[in-house]
Amino acid sequence: MPKPKYHILVCTNSRPPGHPKPSCGSAGAAQLLMAFNMGLMQRAVPPGQVVVTATGCLGPCEQGPTVVVYPDGTWYSKVTEADVATILDEHIAKGTPAASLKPDSVWQ
């Protein structure tokens, strides 16, 4: 497999029902993971050019689901399925973080 141009990390961490802290898993992260993979296939992105990986907790649980795009190290918070197309079409296809999604706002 060639070295990927981009690596998309999707937090899919889940907590038991009733846990006081939120989690990306309970906020729809599994659907995001599928949406990223389907979106790449629909856009005919060659296998290996972009890798999508489910992760454990990335930290900002209250702002989840969290997605991080490397090698840029760009963090997206509160990502929805509707945001996936924006990330793929702007960040991945054009190489520019999707400004409309307020990238890296998790650190402000």
Protein backbone atom coordinates (compact mmCIF):
# COMPACT_ATOMS: atom_id res chain seq x y z
CA MET A 1 0.00 0.00 0.00
CA PRO A 2 1.39 3.43 -0.89
CA LYS A 3 1.76 6.11 1.77
CA PRO A 4 -1.60 7.91 1.96
CA LYS A 5 -1.85 11.61 1.13
CA TYR A 6 -4.41 12.11 3.90
CA HIS A 7 -5.39 10.22 7.03
CA ILE A 8 -8.84 10.94 8.45
CA LEU A 9 -9.30 9.95 12.09
CA VAL A 10 -12.86 9.62 13.36
CA CYS A 11 -13.40 9.30 17.10
CA THR A 12 -15.87 6.47 17.70
CA ASN A 13 -15.42 6.19 21.47
CA SER A 14 -18.55 5.09 23.33
CA ARG A 15 -19.47 5.12 26.98
CA PRO A 16 -22.01 3.04 28.89
CA PRO A 17 -25.62 4.29 28.97
CA GLY A 18 -26.13 6.81 31.74
CA HIS A 19 -22.49 7.90 31.83
CA PRO A 20 -22.33 11.62 32.70
CA LYS A 21 -19.76 12.44 30.02
CA PRO A 22 -20.86 12.50 26.35
CA SER A 23 -19.12 10.45 23.68
CA CYS A 24 -18.60 10.66 19.94
CA GLY A 25 -20.02 7.16 19.57
CA SER A 26 -23.39 8.19 21.01
CA ALA A 27 -23.38 11.28 18.77
CA GLY A 28 -23.34 9.31 15.50
CA ALA A 29 -19.65 8.65 14.86
CA ALA A 30 -20.24 5.20 13.34
CA GLN A 31 -22.38 6.78 10.62
CA LEU A 32 -19.65 9.35 9.99
CA LEU A 33 -17.09 6.61 9.51
CA MET A 34 -19.32 4.95 6.92
CA ALA A 35 -20.09 8.29 5.25
CA PHE A 36 -16.39 9.08 4.82
CA ASN A 37 -15.68 5.68 3.29
CA MET A 38 -18.71 5.83 1.00
CA GLY A 39 -17.88 9.42 0.03
CA LEU A 40 -14.37 8.45 -1.00
CA MET A 41 -15.72 5.61 -3.14
CA GLN A 42 -18.35 7.86 -4.73
CA ARG A 43 -15.63 10.37 -5.60
CA ALA A 44 -13.47 7.59 -7.08
CA VAL A 45 -10.55 8.40 -4.79
CA PRO A 46 -7.94 5.71 -5.50
CA PRO A 47 -7.55 3.14 -2.71
CA GLY A 48 -4.79 4.09 -0.33
CA GLN A 49 -4.70 7.78 -1.25
CA VAL A 50 -6.91 8.60 1.75
CA VAL A 51 -7.20 6.34 4.79
CA VAL A 52 -10.11 6.59 7.22
CA THR A 53 -9.56 5.16 10.70
CA ALA A 54 -11.83 4.80 13.72
CA THR A 55 -10.13 5.89 16.94
CA GLY A 56 -10.72 5.81 20.65
CA CYS A 57 -11.23 9.01 22.60
CA LEU A 58 -9.47 12.07 21.16
CA GLY A 59 -10.34 14.27 24.13
CA PRO A 60 -12.93 16.98 23.39
CA CYS A 61 -15.92 14.74 24.14
CA GLU A 62 -18.34 17.63 24.67
CA GLN A 63 -17.68 18.78 21.10
CA GLY A 64 -17.97 15.43 19.37
CA PRO A 65 -18.04 13.77 17.02
CA THR A 66 -14.45 14.79 16.45
CA VAL A 67 -12.60 14.28 13.16
CA VAL A 68 -8.89 14.99 12.60
CA VAL A 69 -7.28 15.21 9.16
CA TYR A 70 -3.55 14.52 8.84
CA PRO A 71 -0.92 15.40 7.77
CA ASP A 72 -2.39 18.88 8.35
CA GLY A 73 -3.43 18.16 11.92
CA THR A 74 -6.75 19.91 11.35
CA TRP A 75 -9.46 19.19 13.94
CA TYR A 76 -13.18 19.37 13.17
CA SER A 77 -15.73 19.27 15.98
CA LYS A 78 -19.45 18.50 16.11
CA VAL A 79 -19.15 16.86 12.69
CA THR A 80 -22.39 15.69 11.07
CA GLU A 81 -23.01 13.42 8.10
CA ALA A 82 -23.79 16.55 6.06
CA ASP A 83 -20.30 17.89 6.89
CA VAL A 84 -18.56 14.85 5.39
CA ALA A 85 -19.08 16.03 1.80
CA THR A 86 -17.67 19.46 2.71
CA ILE A 87 -14.55 17.93 4.27
CA LEU A 88 -14.03 15.62 1.30
CA ASP A 89 -14.70 18.25 -1.36
CA GLU A 90 -12.78 21.11 0.23
CA HIS A 91 -10.10 19.69 2.49
CA ILE A 92 -9.31 16.40 0.78
CA ALA A 93 -9.93 17.34 -2.88
CA LYS A 94 -8.64 20.93 -2.78
CA GLY A 95 -6.16 20.71 0.09
CA THR A 96 -7.74 23.55 2.06
CA PRO A 97 -9.42 23.07 5.45
CA ALA A 98 -13.18 23.61 5.24
CA ALA A 99 -13.49 27.12 6.69
CA SER A 100 -17.28 26.89 6.96
CA LEU A 101 -16.84 24.12 9.54
CA LYS A 102 -14.59 26.28 11.73
CA PRO A 103 -11.57 23.97 11.76
CA ASP A 104 -9.50 23.90 14.94
CA SER A 105 -12.21 25.80 16.87
CA VAL A 106 -11.92 23.07 19.50
CA TRP A 107 -8.72 24.81 20.67
CA GLN A 108 -10.24 28.26 21.08
